[in-house]
N, C-alpha and C. Protein backbone atom coordinates (compact mmCIF):
# COMPACT_ATOMS: atom_id res chain seq x y z
N MET A 1 8.62 9.24 -0.23
CA MET A 1 8.63 10.41 0.63
C MET A 1 7.92 10.12 1.94
N GLY A 2 6.83 9.36 1.91
CA GLY A 2 6.11 9.03 3.13
C GLY A 2 6.94 8.19 4.07
N ALA A 3 7.75 7.29 3.52
CA ALA A 3 8.59 6.44 4.37
C ALA A 3 9.61 7.28 5.11
N VAL A 4 10.19 8.25 4.43
CA VAL A 4 11.18 9.13 5.08
C VAL A 4 10.50 9.90 6.20
N ALA A 5 9.32 10.42 5.94
CA ALA A 5 8.59 11.17 6.97
C ALA A 5 8.24 10.25 8.14
N GLY A 6 7.88 9.01 7.85
CA GLY A 6 7.56 8.07 8.91
C GLY A 6 8.76 7.77 9.79
N PHE A 7 9.91 7.58 9.17
CA PHE A 7 11.12 7.27 9.94
C PHE A 7 11.61 8.49 10.72
N LYS A 8 11.35 9.69 10.19
CA LYS A 8 11.79 10.90 10.88
C LYS A 8 10.82 11.34 11.97
N SER A 9 9.63 10.76 12.01
CA SER A 9 8.61 11.20 12.97
C SER A 9 8.78 10.59 14.35
N VAL A 10 9.80 9.80 14.56
CA VAL A 10 10.03 9.18 15.86
C VAL A 10 10.35 10.25 16.89
N ASP A 11 9.73 10.13 18.04
CA ASP A 11 9.95 11.07 19.13
C ASP A 11 11.41 10.96 19.61
N PRO A 12 12.17 12.04 19.58
CA PRO A 12 13.57 11.98 20.01
C PRO A 12 13.74 11.55 21.47
N ASP A 13 12.76 11.89 22.32
CA ASP A 13 12.85 11.49 23.73
C ASP A 13 12.77 9.96 23.86
N VAL A 14 11.95 9.33 23.04
CA VAL A 14 11.85 7.87 23.06
C VAL A 14 13.18 7.25 22.63
N MET A 15 13.76 7.82 21.59
CA MET A 15 15.05 7.31 21.11
C MET A 15 16.14 7.50 22.18
N ASP A 16 16.15 8.66 22.83
CA ASP A 16 17.13 8.90 23.89
C ASP A 16 16.94 7.92 25.04
N LEU A 17 15.70 7.67 25.41
CA LEU A 17 15.42 6.71 26.48
C LEU A 17 15.92 5.32 26.10
N ALA A 18 15.65 4.90 24.87
CA ALA A 18 16.09 3.58 24.43
C ALA A 18 17.61 3.49 24.39
N ARG A 19 18.26 4.54 23.94
CA ARG A 19 19.73 4.55 23.91
C ARG A 19 20.31 4.49 25.33
N SER A 20 19.62 5.15 26.27
CA SER A 20 20.12 5.15 27.65
C SER A 20 20.03 3.78 28.29
N THR A 21 19.18 2.91 27.76
CA THR A 21 19.09 1.54 28.28
C THR A 21 20.10 0.63 27.62
N GLY A 22 20.88 1.16 26.68
CA GLY A 22 21.92 0.37 26.02
C GLY A 22 21.48 -0.28 24.73
N ALA A 23 20.36 0.12 24.18
CA ALA A 23 19.88 -0.47 22.93
C ALA A 23 20.80 -0.08 21.78
N LYS A 24 21.12 -1.04 20.95
CA LYS A 24 21.97 -0.81 19.78
C LYS A 24 21.12 -0.33 18.61
N ALA A 25 21.79 0.09 17.54
CA ALA A 25 21.10 0.68 16.38
C ALA A 25 20.09 -0.27 15.76
N TRP A 26 20.45 -1.55 15.64
CA TRP A 26 19.53 -2.51 15.01
C TRP A 26 18.27 -2.68 15.85
N ARG A 27 18.43 -2.77 17.18
CA ARG A 27 17.27 -2.92 18.06
C ARG A 27 16.40 -1.66 18.03
N LEU A 28 17.04 -0.49 17.96
CA LEU A 28 16.28 0.75 17.85
C LEU A 28 15.44 0.76 16.58
N PHE A 29 16.03 0.26 15.50
CA PHE A 29 15.30 0.22 14.23
C PHE A 29 14.11 -0.73 14.31
N ILE A 30 14.34 -1.94 14.80
CA ILE A 30 13.30 -2.97 14.84
C ILE A 30 12.19 -2.63 15.82
N LYS A 31 12.55 -2.13 16.97
CA LYS A 31 11.56 -1.92 18.05
C LYS A 31 10.91 -0.55 18.05
N ILE A 32 11.58 0.46 17.49
CA ILE A 32 11.04 1.82 17.57
C ILE A 32 10.80 2.43 16.20
N ARG A 33 11.84 2.53 15.38
CA ARG A 33 11.71 3.24 14.11
C ARG A 33 10.76 2.55 13.13
N LEU A 34 10.91 1.25 12.93
CA LEU A 34 10.06 0.54 11.96
C LEU A 34 8.59 0.55 12.36
N PRO A 35 8.23 0.20 13.61
CA PRO A 35 6.81 0.27 13.98
C PRO A 35 6.22 1.67 13.84
N GLN A 36 7.03 2.69 14.11
CA GLN A 36 6.56 4.07 13.98
C GLN A 36 6.32 4.44 12.51
N ALA A 37 7.12 3.87 11.60
CA ALA A 37 7.04 4.22 10.18
C ALA A 37 6.06 3.36 9.40
N LEU A 38 5.61 2.22 9.96
CA LEU A 38 4.76 1.31 9.21
C LEU A 38 3.48 1.95 8.65
N PRO A 39 2.77 2.79 9.39
CA PRO A 39 1.57 3.41 8.78
C PRO A 39 1.89 4.19 7.51
N GLU A 40 2.98 4.94 7.52
CA GLU A 40 3.37 5.70 6.32
C GLU A 40 3.81 4.76 5.20
N LEU A 41 4.51 3.70 5.55
CA LEU A 41 4.94 2.73 4.53
C LEU A 41 3.73 2.08 3.86
N PHE A 42 2.74 1.71 4.64
CA PHE A 42 1.56 1.08 4.06
C PHE A 42 0.74 2.07 3.22
N THR A 43 0.75 3.33 3.59
CA THR A 43 0.08 4.34 2.75
C THR A 43 0.74 4.39 1.38
N GLY A 44 2.06 4.37 1.36
CA GLY A 44 2.79 4.35 0.09
C GLY A 44 2.53 3.08 -0.70
N LEU A 45 2.43 1.95 -0.01
CA LEU A 45 2.14 0.69 -0.71
C LEU A 45 0.75 0.70 -1.34
N LYS A 46 -0.21 1.30 -0.66
CA LYS A 46 -1.57 1.38 -1.22
C LYS A 46 -1.59 2.24 -2.48
N VAL A 47 -0.91 3.37 -2.43
CA VAL A 47 -0.84 4.22 -3.62
C VAL A 47 -0.11 3.48 -4.74
N GLY A 48 0.98 2.81 -4.39
CA GLY A 48 1.74 2.05 -5.39
C GLY A 48 0.93 0.93 -5.99
N ALA A 49 0.09 0.26 -5.19
CA ALA A 49 -0.75 -0.82 -5.70
C ALA A 49 -1.74 -0.29 -6.74
N ALA A 50 -2.32 0.85 -6.46
CA ALA A 50 -3.27 1.44 -7.41
C ALA A 50 -2.57 1.87 -8.70
N LEU A 51 -1.41 2.48 -8.55
CA LEU A 51 -0.69 2.96 -9.73
C LEU A 51 -0.06 1.82 -10.53
N ALA A 52 0.28 0.72 -9.88
CA ALA A 52 0.91 -0.40 -10.58
C ALA A 52 -0.04 -1.01 -11.60
N ALA A 53 -1.28 -1.17 -11.22
CA ALA A 53 -2.26 -1.74 -12.16
C ALA A 53 -2.43 -0.81 -13.37
N THR A 54 -2.50 0.47 -13.13
CA THR A 54 -2.64 1.43 -14.22
C THR A 54 -1.39 1.44 -15.10
N ALA A 55 -0.23 1.40 -14.49
CA ALA A 55 1.01 1.44 -15.26
C ALA A 55 1.17 0.19 -16.12
N ALA A 56 0.75 -0.95 -15.62
CA ALA A 56 0.85 -2.18 -16.41
C ALA A 56 -0.02 -2.10 -17.65
N VAL A 57 -1.21 -1.57 -17.51
CA VAL A 57 -2.11 -1.45 -18.66
C VAL A 57 -1.56 -0.45 -19.67
N VAL A 58 -1.06 0.67 -19.20
CA VAL A 58 -0.49 1.67 -20.11
C VAL A 58 0.71 1.10 -20.85
N ALA A 59 1.53 0.32 -20.16
CA ALA A 59 2.68 -0.30 -20.81
C ALA A 59 2.23 -1.28 -21.89
N GLU A 60 1.15 -2.00 -21.64
CA GLU A 60 0.62 -2.91 -22.66
C GLU A 60 0.01 -2.14 -23.83
N PHE A 61 -0.53 -0.95 -23.56
CA PHE A 61 -1.02 -0.11 -24.66
C PHE A 61 0.12 0.20 -25.62
N VAL A 62 1.26 0.56 -25.07
CA VAL A 62 2.36 1.09 -25.85
C VAL A 62 3.16 0.00 -26.55
N ALA A 63 3.53 -1.06 -25.85
CA ALA A 63 4.51 -1.98 -26.41
C ALA A 63 4.21 -3.44 -26.07
N SER A 64 3.05 -3.91 -26.48
CA SER A 64 2.76 -5.32 -26.22
C SER A 64 1.82 -5.86 -27.29
N ASN A 65 1.90 -7.15 -27.49
CA ASN A 65 0.96 -7.80 -28.40
C ASN A 65 0.14 -8.84 -27.66
N ARG A 66 0.10 -8.71 -26.32
CA ARG A 66 -0.76 -9.55 -25.49
C ARG A 66 -1.01 -8.84 -24.17
N GLY A 67 -1.93 -9.34 -23.42
CA GLY A 67 -2.27 -8.75 -22.13
C GLY A 67 -3.59 -7.99 -22.20
N LEU A 68 -4.06 -7.57 -21.03
CA LEU A 68 -5.36 -6.90 -20.96
C LEU A 68 -5.35 -5.52 -21.61
N GLY A 69 -4.25 -4.82 -21.50
CA GLY A 69 -4.16 -3.51 -22.17
C GLY A 69 -4.23 -3.66 -23.67
N TYR A 70 -3.54 -4.66 -24.19
CA TYR A 70 -3.58 -4.93 -25.63
C TYR A 70 -5.00 -5.32 -26.05
N LEU A 71 -5.63 -6.20 -25.26
CA LEU A 71 -7.01 -6.60 -25.59
C LEU A 71 -7.96 -5.41 -25.56
N LEU A 72 -7.74 -4.53 -24.61
CA LEU A 72 -8.59 -3.34 -24.52
C LEU A 72 -8.50 -2.51 -25.80
N LEU A 73 -7.28 -2.32 -26.28
CA LEU A 73 -7.11 -1.57 -27.54
C LEU A 73 -7.72 -2.32 -28.73
N GLU A 74 -7.52 -3.63 -28.78
CA GLU A 74 -8.07 -4.43 -29.89
C GLU A 74 -9.59 -4.37 -29.90
N TYR A 75 -10.20 -4.61 -28.74
CA TYR A 75 -11.67 -4.60 -28.68
C TYR A 75 -12.22 -3.22 -28.97
N ASN A 76 -11.53 -2.19 -28.52
CA ASN A 76 -11.97 -0.83 -28.79
C ASN A 76 -11.87 -0.54 -30.30
N GLY A 77 -10.78 -0.97 -30.91
CA GLY A 77 -10.61 -0.76 -32.35
C GLY A 77 -11.64 -1.51 -33.18
N ASN A 78 -12.08 -2.68 -32.70
CA ASN A 78 -13.08 -3.48 -33.41
C ASN A 78 -14.50 -3.15 -32.99
N LEU A 79 -14.66 -2.13 -32.16
CA LEU A 79 -15.96 -1.66 -31.68
C LEU A 79 -16.74 -2.76 -30.94
N GLU A 80 -16.03 -3.58 -30.19
CA GLU A 80 -16.65 -4.62 -29.39
C GLU A 80 -16.83 -4.06 -27.96
N THR A 81 -17.91 -3.29 -27.80
CA THR A 81 -18.14 -2.56 -26.57
C THR A 81 -18.29 -3.48 -25.37
N ALA A 82 -19.00 -4.57 -25.51
CA ALA A 82 -19.21 -5.49 -24.39
C ALA A 82 -17.87 -6.04 -23.89
N MET A 83 -16.98 -6.38 -24.81
CA MET A 83 -15.67 -6.91 -24.42
C MET A 83 -14.81 -5.82 -23.78
N VAL A 84 -14.94 -4.58 -24.26
CA VAL A 84 -14.20 -3.47 -23.65
C VAL A 84 -14.62 -3.32 -22.19
N PHE A 85 -15.93 -3.35 -21.95
CA PHE A 85 -16.41 -3.25 -20.58
C PHE A 85 -15.98 -4.45 -19.74
N ALA A 86 -15.95 -5.62 -20.33
CA ALA A 86 -15.50 -6.81 -19.60
C ALA A 86 -14.05 -6.66 -19.17
N VAL A 87 -13.20 -6.17 -20.06
CA VAL A 87 -11.79 -5.98 -19.72
C VAL A 87 -11.65 -4.89 -18.65
N VAL A 88 -12.40 -3.81 -18.78
CA VAL A 88 -12.33 -2.73 -17.79
C VAL A 88 -12.77 -3.24 -16.42
N ILE A 89 -13.83 -4.03 -16.38
CA ILE A 89 -14.30 -4.58 -15.11
C ILE A 89 -13.26 -5.53 -14.53
N LEU A 90 -12.66 -6.36 -15.36
CA LEU A 90 -11.61 -7.26 -14.89
C LEU A 90 -10.41 -6.50 -14.35
N LEU A 91 -10.00 -5.45 -15.05
CA LEU A 91 -8.89 -4.62 -14.56
C LEU A 91 -9.24 -3.95 -13.23
N SER A 92 -10.47 -3.49 -13.11
CA SER A 92 -10.92 -2.87 -11.86
C SER A 92 -10.88 -3.87 -10.72
N LEU A 93 -11.35 -5.07 -10.96
CA LEU A 93 -11.34 -6.10 -9.93
C LEU A 93 -9.91 -6.47 -9.52
N MET A 94 -9.03 -6.53 -10.50
CA MET A 94 -7.63 -6.83 -10.18
C MET A 94 -7.01 -5.72 -9.34
N GLY A 95 -7.29 -4.48 -9.68
CA GLY A 95 -6.78 -3.35 -8.90
C GLY A 95 -7.33 -3.34 -7.49
N LEU A 96 -8.63 -3.62 -7.36
CA LEU A 96 -9.24 -3.67 -6.03
C LEU A 96 -8.67 -4.82 -5.21
N ALA A 97 -8.43 -5.95 -5.85
CA ALA A 97 -7.86 -7.10 -5.14
C ALA A 97 -6.45 -6.78 -4.64
N LEU A 98 -5.66 -6.13 -5.45
CA LEU A 98 -4.31 -5.76 -5.04
C LEU A 98 -4.34 -4.76 -3.89
N TYR A 99 -5.22 -3.79 -3.99
CA TYR A 99 -5.38 -2.81 -2.91
C TYR A 99 -5.85 -3.50 -1.63
N GLY A 100 -6.82 -4.40 -1.78
CA GLY A 100 -7.34 -5.14 -0.63
C GLY A 100 -6.27 -5.99 0.04
N LEU A 101 -5.39 -6.56 -0.76
CA LEU A 101 -4.29 -7.36 -0.21
C LEU A 101 -3.36 -6.49 0.64
N VAL A 102 -3.06 -5.30 0.16
CA VAL A 102 -2.22 -4.39 0.94
C VAL A 102 -2.96 -3.94 2.20
N GLU A 103 -4.24 -3.68 2.08
CA GLU A 103 -5.05 -3.27 3.23
C GLU A 103 -5.09 -4.38 4.29
N LEU A 104 -5.27 -5.62 3.86
CA LEU A 104 -5.27 -6.74 4.78
C LEU A 104 -3.90 -6.90 5.45
N SER A 105 -2.86 -6.75 4.67
CA SER A 105 -1.50 -6.82 5.24
C SER A 105 -1.30 -5.74 6.30
N GLU A 106 -1.83 -4.55 6.03
CA GLU A 106 -1.72 -3.46 7.00
C GLU A 106 -2.47 -3.81 8.28
N ARG A 107 -3.66 -4.36 8.15
CA ARG A 107 -4.44 -4.71 9.35
C ARG A 107 -3.73 -5.78 10.18
N LEU A 108 -3.06 -6.71 9.51
CA LEU A 108 -2.34 -7.76 10.23
C LEU A 108 -1.04 -7.24 10.84
N ALA A 109 -0.37 -6.33 10.14
CA ALA A 109 0.93 -5.86 10.59
C ALA A 109 0.83 -4.81 11.70
N ILE A 110 -0.17 -3.95 11.63
CA ILE A 110 -0.27 -2.87 12.63
C ILE A 110 -1.70 -2.75 13.16
N PRO A 111 -2.18 -3.78 13.87
CA PRO A 111 -3.55 -3.71 14.40
C PRO A 111 -3.71 -2.64 15.48
N TRP A 112 -2.61 -2.17 16.06
CA TRP A 112 -2.64 -1.17 17.11
C TRP A 112 -2.83 0.24 16.58
N HIS A 113 -2.67 0.44 15.29
CA HIS A 113 -2.74 1.80 14.74
C HIS A 113 -4.17 2.32 14.77
N THR A 114 -4.31 3.63 14.93
CA THR A 114 -5.64 4.23 15.07
C THR A 114 -6.50 4.06 13.83
N ARG A 115 -5.89 3.94 12.64
CA ARG A 115 -6.68 3.74 11.43
C ARG A 115 -7.37 2.38 11.45
N GLN A 116 -6.85 1.44 12.23
CA GLN A 116 -7.38 0.09 12.24
C GLN A 116 -8.49 -0.10 13.27
N ARG A 117 -8.59 0.80 14.23
CA ARG A 117 -9.63 0.66 15.25
C ARG A 117 -10.94 1.22 14.74
N ARG A 118 -12.00 0.61 15.16
CA ARG A 118 -13.34 1.10 14.80
C ARG A 118 -13.79 2.11 15.85
N ALA A 119 -14.73 2.93 15.49
CA ALA A 119 -15.21 3.97 16.42
C ALA A 119 -15.86 3.36 17.65
N SER A 120 -16.44 2.17 17.53
CA SER A 120 -17.14 1.56 18.66
C SER A 120 -16.20 0.87 19.62
N GLU A 121 -14.95 0.62 19.22
CA GLU A 121 -14.02 -0.06 20.10
C GLU A 121 -13.52 0.89 21.18
N PRO A 122 -13.43 0.40 22.41
CA PRO A 122 -12.89 1.28 23.46
C PRO A 122 -11.40 1.49 23.27
N LEU A 123 -10.93 2.63 23.74
CA LEU A 123 -9.50 2.91 23.69
C LEU A 123 -8.78 2.05 24.71
N PRO A 124 -7.57 1.62 24.40
CA PRO A 124 -6.84 0.79 25.36
C PRO A 124 -6.52 1.59 26.63
N ALA A 125 -6.50 0.87 27.73
CA ALA A 125 -6.19 1.50 29.02
C ALA A 125 -4.74 1.94 29.06
N ALA A 126 -4.49 3.07 29.65
CA ALA A 126 -3.13 3.60 29.69
C ALA A 126 -2.28 2.99 30.75
């Protein structure tokens, strides 16, 4: 849903100006629509990264005989509290690493976006 909103948020005047210069649909997409939608796309990727780690563990709870979700259930069933915490910490680190990877990709892909600027940085000259 965020991607659709990002692609629809393009200023129509900018699109009209680009069309008046003879820009074709592919160039409009690459130069205007995609850069405008990237912040929304990365927001969706961050949410997806967090949910993917959770979904993988839940899937291992239900139908697996290996993996961290399976180990979590086994250790919990055997009352091995230290190992349960170890698996939870490992899962947390994996989720944070995946989120961090998406965050780093966002910083590299759209350094011009306002979310990427720090408060102490001056605004670019107009």
